[in-house]
Every structure is written in structure tokens, then in C-alpha cells.
Amino acid sequence: NTRYGSPVKGRFTSSRDNSKNTVYLQMNSLQPEDTAVY
């Protein structure tokens, strides 16, 4: 289950693949204020 911060809710989606030990962050409708080190 996922939870999101208010600034990214509705634009970012995260998921995990336990078979690959991997989590993803799909970021859509990116804006300049999303510029950061993640």
C-alpha cells in the first residue's frame, strides 16, 4: 500500500516488485518545483 505527500499526490505513483527487490517512482506532469535530489 502506498501513501503520498500532498505536493505529488495525483502525479506520482510508486510501486514495488518484491521479486526484483525494487521500488519504482513514476513521476508525471513534472514541474520545475519537482527539481531535487531524490
PDB file of all heavy atoms in Angstrom:
ATOM      1  N   ASN A   1       0.851  -1.196   0.000  1.00  0.00           N
ATOM      2  CA  ASN A   1       0.000   0.000   0.000  1.00  0.00           C
ATOM      3  C   ASN A   1       0.884   1.242   0.000  1.00  0.00           C
ATOM      4  O   ASN A   1       1.966   1.266   0.610  1.00  0.00           O
ATOM      5  CB  ASN A   1      -0.903  -0.001   1.227  1.00  0.00           C
ATOM      6  CG  ASN A   1      -1.953  -1.090   1.151  1.00  0.00           C
ATOM      7  OD1 ASN A   1      -2.273  -1.583   0.071  1.00  0.00           O
ATOM      8  ND2 ASN A   1      -2.481  -1.485   2.285  1.00  0.00           N
ATOM      9  N   THR A   2       0.403   2.275  -0.664  1.00  0.00           N
ATOM     10  CA  THR A   2       1.209   3.476  -0.827  1.00  0.00           C
ATOM     11  C   THR A   2       0.522   4.706  -0.235  1.00  0.00           C
ATOM     12  O   THR A   2      -0.707   4.772  -0.143  1.00  0.00           O
ATOM     13  CB  THR A   2       1.481   3.747  -2.316  1.00  0.00           C
ATOM     14  OG1 THR A   2       0.230   3.781  -3.015  1.00  0.00           O
ATOM     15  CG2 THR A   2       2.347   2.665  -2.921  1.00  0.00           C
ATOM     16  N   ARG A   3       1.352   5.654   0.159  1.00  0.00           N
ATOM     17  CA  ARG A   3       0.882   6.953   0.639  1.00  0.00           C
ATOM     18  C   ARG A   3       1.769   8.006   0.007  1.00  0.00           C
ATOM     19  O   ARG A   3       2.974   7.767  -0.175  1.00  0.00           O
ATOM     20  CB  ARG A   3       0.976   7.024   2.167  1.00  0.00           C
ATOM     21  CG  ARG A   3       0.186   5.957   2.884  1.00  0.00           C
ATOM     22  CD  ARG A   3       0.529   5.912   4.363  1.00  0.00           C
ATOM     23  NE  ARG A   3      -0.141   4.805   5.031  1.00  0.00           N
ATOM     24  CZ  ARG A   3       0.170   4.369   6.251  1.00  0.00           C
ATOM     25  NH1 ARG A   3       1.133   4.959   6.933  1.00  0.00           N
ATOM     26  NH2 ARG A   3      -0.484   3.360   6.796  1.00  0.00           N
ATOM     27  N   TYR A   4       1.199   9.169  -0.290  1.00  0.00           N
ATOM     28  CA  TYR A   4       1.939  10.211  -0.995  1.00  0.00           C
ATOM     29  C   TYR A   4       1.851  11.536  -0.268  1.00  0.00           C
ATOM     30  O   TYR A   4       0.849  11.852   0.371  1.00  0.00           O
ATOM     31  CB  TYR A   4       1.381  10.373  -2.416  1.00  0.00           C
ATOM     32  CG  TYR A   4       1.470   9.105  -3.229  1.00  0.00           C
ATOM     33  CD1 TYR A   4       0.392   8.237  -3.313  1.00  0.00           C
ATOM     34  CD2 TYR A   4       2.661   8.765  -3.872  1.00  0.00           C
ATOM     35  CE1 TYR A   4       0.486   7.060  -4.033  1.00  0.00           C
ATOM     36  CE2 TYR A   4       2.749   7.592  -4.605  1.00  0.00           C
ATOM     37  CZ  TYR A   4       1.663   6.748  -4.677  1.00  0.00           C
ATOM     38  OH  TYR A   4       1.766   5.577  -5.390  1.00  0.00           O
ATOM     39  N   GLY A   5       2.925  12.313  -0.436  1.00  0.00           N
ATOM     40  CA  GLY A   5       2.905  13.663   0.079  1.00  0.00           C
ATOM     41  C   GLY A   5       1.987  14.532  -0.761  1.00  0.00           C
ATOM     42  O   GLY A   5       1.804  14.291  -1.956  1.00  0.00           O
ATOM     43  N   SER A   6       1.439  15.556  -0.146  1.00  0.00           N
ATOM     44  CA  SER A   6       0.460  16.405  -0.828  1.00  0.00           C
ATOM     45  C   SER A   6       0.982  17.014  -2.138  1.00  0.00           C
ATOM     46  O   SER A   6       0.231  17.074  -3.121  1.00  0.00           O
ATOM     47  CB  SER A   6       0.002  17.520   0.108  1.00  0.00           C
ATOM     48  OG  SER A   6      -0.664  16.989   1.221  1.00  0.00           O
ATOM     49  N   PRO A   7       2.224  17.471  -2.206  1.00  0.00           N
ATOM     50  CA  PRO A   7       2.681  18.116  -3.442  1.00  0.00           C
ATOM     51  C   PRO A   7       2.710  17.192  -4.663  1.00  0.00           C
ATOM     52  O   PRO A   7       2.722  17.672  -5.795  1.00  0.00           O
ATOM     53  CB  PRO A   7       4.096  18.581  -3.093  1.00  0.00           C
ATOM     54  CG  PRO A   7       4.113  18.689  -1.612  1.00  0.00           C
ATOM     55  CD  PRO A   7       3.232  17.576  -1.149  1.00  0.00           C
ATOM     56  N   VAL A   8       2.736  15.877  -4.436  1.00  0.00           N
ATOM     57  CA  VAL A   8       2.878  14.965  -5.571  1.00  0.00           C
ATOM     58  C   VAL A   8       1.659  14.091  -5.772  1.00  0.00           C
ATOM     59  O   VAL A   8       1.587  13.346  -6.758  1.00  0.00           O
ATOM     60  CB  VAL A   8       4.126  14.072  -5.397  1.00  0.00           C
ATOM     61  CG1 VAL A   8       5.353  14.926  -5.131  1.00  0.00           C
ATOM     62  CG2 VAL A   8       3.947  13.042  -4.299  1.00  0.00           C
ATOM     63  N   LYS A   9       0.696  14.187  -4.880  1.00  0.00           N
ATOM     64  CA  LYS A   9      -0.477  13.324  -4.958  1.00  0.00           C
ATOM     65  C   LYS A   9      -1.198  13.544  -6.293  1.00  0.00           C
ATOM     66  O   LYS A   9      -1.433  14.688  -6.697  1.00  0.00           O
ATOM     67  CB  LYS A   9      -1.407  13.612  -3.788  1.00  0.00           C
ATOM     68  CG  LYS A   9      -2.342  12.480  -3.442  1.00  0.00           C
ATOM     69  CD  LYS A   9      -3.084  12.775  -2.141  1.00  0.00           C
ATOM     70  CE  LYS A   9      -2.171  12.749  -0.952  1.00  0.00           C
ATOM     71  NZ  LYS A   9      -2.890  12.927   0.324  1.00  0.00           N
ATOM     72  N   GLY A  10      -1.519  12.470  -6.965  1.00  0.00           N
ATOM     73  CA  GLY A  10      -2.182  12.549  -8.259  1.00  0.00           C
ATOM     74  C   GLY A  10      -1.237  12.632  -9.437  1.00  0.00           C
ATOM     75  O   GLY A  10      -1.658  12.458 -10.585  1.00  0.00           O
ATOM     76  N   ARG A  11       0.036  12.899  -9.172  1.00  0.00           N
ATOM     77  CA  ARG A  11       1.025  12.987 -10.264  1.00  0.00           C
ATOM     78  C   ARG A  11       2.072  11.885 -10.186  1.00  0.00           C
ATOM     79  O   ARG A  11       2.577  11.429 -11.206  1.00  0.00           O
ATOM     80  CB  ARG A  11       1.722  14.351 -10.223  1.00  0.00           C
ATOM     81  CG  ARG A  11       0.804  15.534 -10.390  1.00  0.00           C
ATOM     82  CD  ARG A  11       1.595  16.832 -10.524  1.00  0.00           C
ATOM     83  NE  ARG A  11       2.380  17.117  -9.326  1.00  0.00           N
ATOM     84  CZ  ARG A  11       3.706  17.290  -9.326  1.00  0.00           C
ATOM     85  NH1 ARG A  11       4.386  17.208 -10.453  1.00  0.00           N
ATOM     86  NH2 ARG A  11       4.347  17.559  -8.204  1.00  0.00           N
ATOM     87  N   PHE A  12       2.414  11.486  -8.974  1.00  0.00           N
ATOM     88  CA  PHE A  12       3.449  10.462  -8.786  1.00  0.00           C
ATOM     89  C   PHE A  12       2.787   9.161  -8.341  1.00  0.00           C
ATOM     90  O   PHE A  12       1.812   9.166  -7.580  1.00  0.00           O
ATOM     91  CB  PHE A  12       4.441  10.883  -7.708  1.00  0.00           C
ATOM     92  CG  PHE A  12       5.345  12.023  -8.082  1.00  0.00           C
ATOM     93  CD1 PHE A  12       5.141  12.792  -9.212  1.00  0.00           C
ATOM     94  CD2 PHE A  12       6.447  12.318  -7.273  1.00  0.00           C
ATOM     95  CE1 PHE A  12       5.979  13.836  -9.543  1.00  0.00           C
ATOM     96  CE2 PHE A  12       7.300  13.361  -7.587  1.00  0.00           C
ATOM     97  CZ  PHE A  12       7.047  14.120  -8.722  1.00  0.00           C
ATOM     98  N   THR A  13       3.340   8.060  -8.806  1.00  0.00           N
ATOM     99  CA  THR A  13       2.863   6.739  -8.414  1.00  0.00           C
ATOM    100  C   THR A  13       4.064   5.862  -8.080  1.00  0.00           C
ATOM    101  O   THR A  13       5.029   5.809  -8.849  1.00  0.00           O
ATOM    102  CB  THR A  13       2.071   6.085  -9.549  1.00  0.00           C
ATOM    103  OG1 THR A  13       0.976   6.924  -9.923  1.00  0.00           O
ATOM    104  CG2 THR A  13       1.517   4.733  -9.104  1.00  0.00           C
ATOM    105  N   SER A  14       3.987   5.182  -6.953  1.00  0.00           N
ATOM    106  CA  SER A  14       5.078   4.297  -6.579  1.00  0.00           C
ATOM    107  C   SER A  14       4.574   2.867  -6.498  1.00  0.00           C
ATOM    108  O   SER A  14       3.423   2.621  -6.133  1.00  0.00           O
ATOM    109  CB  SER A  14       5.668   4.719  -5.235  1.00  0.00           C
ATOM    110  OG  SER A  14       6.867   4.020  -4.989  1.00  0.00           O
ATOM    111  N   SER A  15       5.438   1.943  -6.853  1.00  0.00           N
ATOM    112  CA  SER A  15       5.095   0.530  -6.789  1.00  0.00           C
ATOM    113  C   SER A  15       6.353  -0.256  -6.453  1.00  0.00           C
ATOM    114  O   SER A  15       7.462   0.263  -6.555  1.00  0.00           O
ATOM    115  CB  SER A  15       4.518   0.058  -8.126  1.00  0.00           C
ATOM    116  OG  SER A  15       5.460   0.243  -9.164  1.00  0.00           O
ATOM    117  N   ARG A  16       6.148  -1.484  -6.050  1.00  0.00           N
ATOM    118  CA  ARG A  16       7.304  -2.317  -5.719  1.00  0.00           C
ATOM    119  C   ARG A  16       7.169  -3.673  -6.386  1.00  0.00           C
ATOM    120  O   ARG A  16       6.069  -4.190  -6.565  1.00  0.00           O
ATOM    121  CB  ARG A  16       7.463  -2.464  -4.206  1.00  0.00           C
ATOM    122  CG  ARG A  16       6.318  -3.157  -3.491  1.00  0.00           C
ATOM    123  CD  ARG A  16       6.465  -3.015  -1.968  1.00  0.00           C
ATOM    124  NE  ARG A  16       7.644  -3.697  -1.461  1.00  0.00           N
ATOM    125  CZ  ARG A  16       8.178  -3.473  -0.253  1.00  0.00           C
ATOM    126  NH1 ARG A  16       7.622  -2.587   0.552  1.00  0.00           N
ATOM    127  NH2 ARG A  16       9.236  -4.135   0.145  1.00  0.00           N
ATOM    128  N   ASP A  17       8.323  -4.231  -6.736  1.00  0.00           N
ATOM    129  CA  ASP A  17       8.400  -5.571  -7.294  1.00  0.00           C
ATOM    130  C   ASP A  17       9.278  -6.378  -6.358  1.00  0.00           C
ATOM    131  O   ASP A  17      10.514  -6.284  -6.413  1.00  0.00           O
ATOM    132  CB  ASP A  17       8.976  -5.518  -8.710  1.00  0.00           C
ATOM    133  CG  ASP A  17       8.968  -6.873  -9.394  1.00  0.00           C
ATOM    134  OD1 ASP A  17       8.874  -7.903  -8.693  1.00  0.00           O
ATOM    135  OD2 ASP A  17       9.072  -6.905 -10.632  1.00  0.00           O
ATOM    136  N   ASN A  18       8.651  -7.150  -5.492  1.00  0.00           N
ATOM    137  CA  ASN A  18       9.416  -7.880  -4.488  1.00  0.00           C
ATOM    138  C   ASN A  18      10.312  -8.951  -5.110  1.00  0.00           C
ATOM    139  O   ASN A  18      11.325  -9.328  -4.525  1.00  0.00           O
ATOM    140  CB  ASN A  18       8.481  -8.513  -3.463  1.00  0.00           C
ATOM    141  CG  ASN A  18       7.821  -7.469  -2.570  1.00  0.00           C
ATOM    142  OD1 ASN A  18       8.324  -6.359  -2.423  1.00  0.00           O
ATOM    143  ND2 ASN A  18       6.681  -7.823  -1.986  1.00  0.00           N
ATOM    144  N   SER A  19       9.956  -9.423  -6.307  1.00  0.00           N
ATOM    145  CA  SER A  19      10.787 -10.431  -6.964  1.00  0.00           C
ATOM    146  C   SER A  19      12.106  -9.842  -7.458  1.00  0.00           C
ATOM    147  O   SER A  19      13.071 -10.574  -7.695  1.00  0.00           O
ATOM    148  CB  SER A  19      10.029 -11.059  -8.130  1.00  0.00           C
ATOM    149  OG  SER A  19       9.859 -10.120  -9.180  1.00  0.00           O
ATOM    150  N   LYS A  20      12.148  -8.506  -7.596  1.00  0.00           N
ATOM    151  CA  LYS A  20      13.359  -7.833  -8.070  1.00  0.00           C
ATOM    152  C   LYS A  20      13.979  -6.940  -7.003  1.00  0.00           C
ATOM    153  O   LYS A  20      14.911  -6.188  -7.299  1.00  0.00           O
ATOM    154  CB  LYS A  20      13.030  -6.989  -9.307  1.00  0.00           C
ATOM    155  CG  LYS A  20      12.569  -7.801 -10.500  1.00  0.00           C
ATOM    156  CD  LYS A  20      12.288  -6.915 -11.696  1.00  0.00           C
ATOM    157  CE  LYS A  20      11.839  -7.736 -12.897  1.00  0.00           C
ATOM    158  NZ  LYS A  20      11.548  -6.877 -14.074  1.00  0.00           N
ATOM    159  N   ASN A  21      13.452  -6.987  -5.776  1.00  0.00           N
ATOM    160  CA  ASN A  21      13.954  -6.116  -4.697  1.00  0.00           C
ATOM    161  C   ASN A  21      13.960  -4.655  -5.134  1.00  0.00           C
ATOM    162  O   ASN A  21      14.869  -3.899  -4.768  1.00  0.00           O
ATOM    163  CB  ASN A  21      15.366  -6.534  -4.270  1.00  0.00           C
ATOM    164  CG  ASN A  21      15.370  -7.748  -3.373  1.00  0.00           C
ATOM    165  OD1 ASN A  21      14.434  -8.546  -3.392  1.00  0.00           O
ATOM    166  ND2 ASN A  21      16.406  -7.903  -2.577  1.00  0.00           N
ATOM    167  N   THR A  22      12.961  -4.259  -5.873  1.00  0.00           N
ATOM    168  CA  THR A  22      12.960  -2.937  -6.494  1.00  0.00           C
ATOM    169  C   THR A  22      11.666  -2.187  -6.195  1.00  0.00           C
ATOM    170  O   THR A  22      10.577  -2.781  -6.197  1.00  0.00           O
ATOM    171  CB  THR A  22      13.133  -3.064  -8.014  1.00  0.00           C
ATOM    172  OG1 THR A  22      14.371  -3.732  -8.291  1.00  0.00           O
ATOM    173  CG2 THR A  22      13.164  -1.695  -8.679  1.00  0.00           C
ATOM    174  N   VAL A  23      11.818  -0.895  -5.962  1.00  0.00           N
ATOM    175  CA  VAL A  23      10.683   0.003  -5.853  1.00  0.00           C
ATOM    176  C   VAL A  23      10.843   1.077  -6.921  1.00  0.00           C
ATOM    177  O   VAL A  23      11.969   1.474  -7.251  1.00  0.00           O
ATOM    178  CB  VAL A  23      10.575   0.616  -4.439  1.00  0.00           C
ATOM    179  CG1 VAL A  23      11.784   1.466  -4.104  1.00  0.00           C
ATOM    180  CG2 VAL A  23       9.295   1.403  -4.270  1.00  0.00           C
ATOM    181  N   TYR A  24       9.714   1.507  -7.481  1.00  0.00           N
ATOM    182  CA  TYR A  24       9.715   2.473  -8.567  1.00  0.00           C
ATOM    183  C   TYR A  24       8.967   3.734  -8.154  1.00  0.00           C
ATOM    184  O   TYR A  24       8.068   3.695  -7.320  1.00  0.00           O
ATOM    185  CB  TYR A  24       9.046   1.882  -9.811  1.00  0.00           C
ATOM    186  CG  TYR A  24       9.657   0.590 -10.278  1.00  0.00           C
ATOM    187  CD1 TYR A  24       9.092  -0.634  -9.915  1.00  0.00           C
ATOM    188  CD2 TYR A  24      10.795   0.584 -11.071  1.00  0.00           C
ATOM    189  CE1 TYR A  24       9.648  -1.828 -10.342  1.00  0.00           C
ATOM    190  CE2 TYR A  24      11.353  -0.617 -11.497  1.00  0.00           C
ATOM    191  CZ  TYR A  24      10.780  -1.814 -11.124  1.00  0.00           C
ATOM    192  OH  TYR A  24      11.341  -2.992 -11.541  1.00  0.00           O
ATOM    193  N   LEU A  25       9.339   4.832  -8.780  1.00  0.00           N
ATOM    194  CA  LEU A  25       8.601   6.075  -8.617  1.00  0.00           C
ATOM    195  C   LEU A  25       8.341   6.631 -10.007  1.00  0.00           C
ATOM    196  O   LEU A  25       9.257   7.126 -10.653  1.00  0.00           O
ATOM    197  CB  LEU A  25       9.366   7.081  -7.765  1.00  0.00           C
ATOM    198  CG  LEU A  25       8.611   8.369  -7.456  1.00  0.00           C
ATOM    199  CD1 LEU A  25       7.410   8.089  -6.555  1.00  0.00           C
ATOM    200  CD2 LEU A  25       9.537   9.399  -6.796  1.00  0.00           C
ATOM    201  N   GLN A  26       7.098   6.521 -10.448  1.00  0.00           N
ATOM    202  CA  GLN A  26       6.693   7.084 -11.731  1.00  0.00           C
ATOM    203  C   GLN A  26       6.239   8.511 -11.492  1.00  0.00           C
ATOM    204  O   GLN A  26       5.296   8.748 -10.730  1.00  0.00           O
ATOM    205  CB  GLN A  26       5.559   6.260 -12.338  1.00  0.00           C
ATOM    206  CG  GLN A  26       5.013   6.818 -13.632  1.00  0.00           C
ATOM    207  CD  GLN A  26       6.012   6.765 -14.769  1.00  0.00           C
ATOM    208  OE1 GLN A  26       6.653   5.738 -14.983  1.00  0.00           O
ATOM    209  NE2 GLN A  26       6.161   7.854 -15.495  1.00  0.00           N
ATOM    210  N   MET A  27       6.905   9.449 -12.149  1.00  0.00           N
ATOM    211  CA  MET A  27       6.625  10.864 -11.939  1.00  0.00           C
ATOM    212  C   MET A  27       6.070  11.450 -13.235  1.00  0.00           C
ATOM    213  O   MET A  27       6.767  11.450 -14.258  1.00  0.00           O
ATOM    214  CB  MET A  27       7.895  11.594 -11.515  1.00  0.00           C
ATOM    215  CG  MET A  27       8.553  10.983 -10.281  1.00  0.00           C
ATOM    216  SD  MET A  27      10.005  11.901  -9.711  1.00  0.00           S
ATOM    217  CE  MET A  27      11.111  11.618 -11.094  1.00  0.00           C
ATOM    218  N   ASN A  28       4.856  11.926 -13.188  1.00  0.00           N
ATOM    219  CA  ASN A  28       4.204  12.518 -14.343  1.00  0.00           C
ATOM    220  C   ASN A  28       3.912  13.994 -14.091  1.00  0.00           C
ATOM    221  O   ASN A  28       3.918  14.445 -12.943  1.00  0.00           O
ATOM    222  CB  ASN A  28       2.904  11.779 -14.655  1.00  0.00           C
ATOM    223  CG  ASN A  28       3.113  10.328 -14.992  1.00  0.00           C
ATOM    224  OD1 ASN A  28       4.125   9.951 -15.594  1.00  0.00           O
ATOM    225  ND2 ASN A  28       2.170   9.479 -14.615  1.00  0.00           N
ATOM    226  N   SER A  29       3.640  14.709 -15.153  1.00  0.00           N
ATOM    227  CA  SER A  29       3.319  16.144 -15.057  1.00  0.00           C
ATOM    228  C   SER A  29       4.339  16.881 -14.211  1.00  0.00           C
ATOM    229  O   SER A  29       3.982  17.671 -13.326  1.00  0.00           O
ATOM    230  CB  SER A  29       1.905  16.327 -14.481  1.00  0.00           C
ATOM    231  OG  SER A  29       0.950  15.669 -15.284  1.00  0.00           O
ATOM    232  N   LEU A  30       5.599  16.625 -14.486  1.00  0.00           N
ATOM    233  CA  LEU A  30       6.663  17.219 -13.689  1.00  0.00           C
ATOM    234  C   LEU A  30       6.721  18.723 -13.876  1.00  0.00           C
ATOM    235  O   LEU A  30       6.495  19.245 -14.981  1.00  0.00           O
ATOM    236  CB  LEU A  30       8.000  16.584 -14.053  1.00  0.00           C
ATOM    237  CG  LEU A  30       8.212  15.178 -13.466  1.00  0.00           C
ATOM    238  CD1 LEU A  30       9.335  14.446 -14.202  1.00  0.00           C
ATOM    239  CD2 LEU A  30       8.511  15.266 -11.974  1.00  0.00           C
ATOM    240  N   GLN A  31       7.026  19.404 -12.788  1.00  0.00           N
ATOM    241  CA  GLN A  31       7.123  20.854 -12.776  1.00  0.00           C
ATOM    242  C   GLN A  31       8.488  21.266 -12.248  1.00  0.00           C
ATOM    243  O   GLN A  31       9.159  20.485 -11.560  1.00  0.00           O
ATOM    244  CB  GLN A  31       6.000  21.445 -11.918  1.00  0.00           C
ATOM    245  CG  GLN A  31       4.600  21.093 -12.389  1.00  0.00           C
ATOM    246  CD  GLN A  31       4.344  21.563 -13.823  1.00  0.00           C
ATOM    247  OE1 GLN A  31       4.717  22.675 -14.206  1.00  0.00           O
ATOM    248  NE2 GLN A  31       3.706  20.708 -14.610  1.00  0.00           N
ATOM    249  N   PRO A  32       8.919  22.493 -12.535  1.00  0.00           N
ATOM    250  CA  PRO A  32      10.237  22.934 -12.042  1.00  0.00           C
ATOM    251  C   PRO A  32      10.395  22.768 -10.529  1.00  0.00           C
ATOM    252  O   PRO A  32      11.507  22.493 -10.063  1.00  0.00           O
ATOM    253  CB  PRO A  32      10.279  24.405 -12.463  1.00  0.00           C
ATOM    254  CG  PRO A  32       9.437  24.458 -13.699  1.00  0.00           C
ATOM    255  CD  PRO A  32       8.315  23.488 -13.446  1.00  0.00           C
ATOM    256  N   GLU A  33       9.327  22.909  -9.785  1.00  0.00           N
ATOM    257  CA  GLU A  33       9.433  22.763  -8.333  1.00  0.00           C
ATOM    258  C   GLU A  33       9.666  21.323  -7.894  1.00  0.00           C
ATOM    259  O   GLU A  33       9.920  21.061  -6.711  1.00  0.00           O
ATOM    260  CB  GLU A  33       8.189  23.315  -7.631  1.00  0.00           C
ATOM    261  CG  GLU A  33       6.878  22.781  -8.157  1.00  0.00           C
ATOM    262  CD  GLU A  33       6.269  23.674  -9.215  1.00  0.00           C
ATOM    263  OE1 GLU A  33       7.028  24.307  -9.993  1.00  0.00           O
ATOM    264  OE2 GLU A  33       5.022  23.738  -9.276  1.00  0.00           O
ATOM    265  N   ASP A  34       9.582  20.380  -8.829  1.00  0.00           N
ATOM    266  CA  ASP A  34       9.923  18.989  -8.522  1.00  0.00           C
ATOM    267  C   ASP A  34      11.428  18.735  -8.626  1.00  0.00           C
ATOM    268  O   ASP A  34      11.890  17.638  -8.290  1.00  0.00           O
ATOM    269  CB  ASP A  34       9.189  18.037  -9.473  1.00  0.00           C
ATOM    270  CG  ASP A  34       7.679  18.076  -9.300  1.00  0.00           C
ATOM    271  OD1 ASP A  34       7.220  18.056  -8.142  1.00  0.00           O
ATOM    272  OD2 ASP A  34       6.974  18.142 -10.329  1.00  0.00           O
ATOM    273  N   THR A  35      12.160  19.727  -9.087  1.00  0.00           N
ATOM    274  CA  THR A  35      13.606  19.588  -9.180  1.00  0.00           C
ATOM    275  C   THR A  35      14.200  19.352  -7.801  1.00  0.00           C
ATOM    276  O   THR A  35      13.953  20.123  -6.871  1.00  0.00           O
ATOM    277  CB  THR A  35      14.229  20.846  -9.811  1.00  0.00           C
ATOM    278  OG1 THR A  35      13.763  20.963 -11.158  1.00  0.00           O
ATOM    279  CG2 THR A  35      15.742  20.767  -9.795  1.00  0.00           C
ATOM    280  N   ALA A  36      14.960  18.291  -7.673  1.00  0.00           N
ATOM    281  CA  ALA A  36      15.526  17.918  -6.373  1.00  0.00           C
ATOM    282  C   ALA A  36      16.414  16.691  -6.556  1.00  0.00           C
ATOM    283  O   ALA A  36      16.412  16.052  -7.618  1.00  0.00           O
ATOM    284  CB  ALA A  36      14.424  17.605  -5.369  1.00  0.00           C
ATOM    285  N   VAL A  37      17.134  16.373  -5.505  1.00  0.00           N
ATOM    286  CA  VAL A  37      17.776  15.060  -5.424  1.00  0.00           C
ATOM    287  C   VAL A  37      16.768  14.125  -4.764  1.00  0.00           C
ATOM    288  O   VAL A  37      16.242  14.426  -3.686  1.00  0.00           O
ATOM    289  CB  VAL A  37      19.079  15.107  -4.614  1.00  0.00           C
ATOM    290  CG1 VAL A  37      19.682  13.700  -4.503  1.00  0.00           C
ATOM    291  CG2 VAL A  37      20.074  16.068  -5.261  1.00  0.00           C
ATOM    292  N   TYR A  38      16.498  13.019  -5.410  1.00  0.00           N
ATOM    293  CA  TYR A  38      15.526  12.057  -4.913  1.00  0.00           C
ATOM    294  C   TYR A  38      16.271  10.891  -4.259  1.00  0.00           C
ATOM    295  O   TYR A  38      17.189  10.319  -4.863  1.00  0.00           O
ATOM    296  CB  TYR A  38      14.637  11.559  -6.044  1.00  0.00           C
ATOM    297  CG  TYR A  38      13.584  12.570  -6.419  1.00  0.00           C
ATOM    298  CD1 TYR A  38      13.921  13.730  -7.107  1.00  0.00           C
ATOM    299  CD2 TYR A  38      12.252  12.390  -6.056  1.00  0.00           C
ATOM    300  CE1 TYR A  38      12.968  14.682  -7.427  1.00  0.00           C
ATOM    301  CE2 TYR A  38      11.283  13.332  -6.378  1.00  0.00           C
ATOM    302  CZ  TYR A  38      11.661  14.476  -7.060  1.00  0.00           C
ATOM    303  OH  TYR A  38      10.700  15.422  -7.372  1.00  0.00           O
TER     304      TYR A  38
END
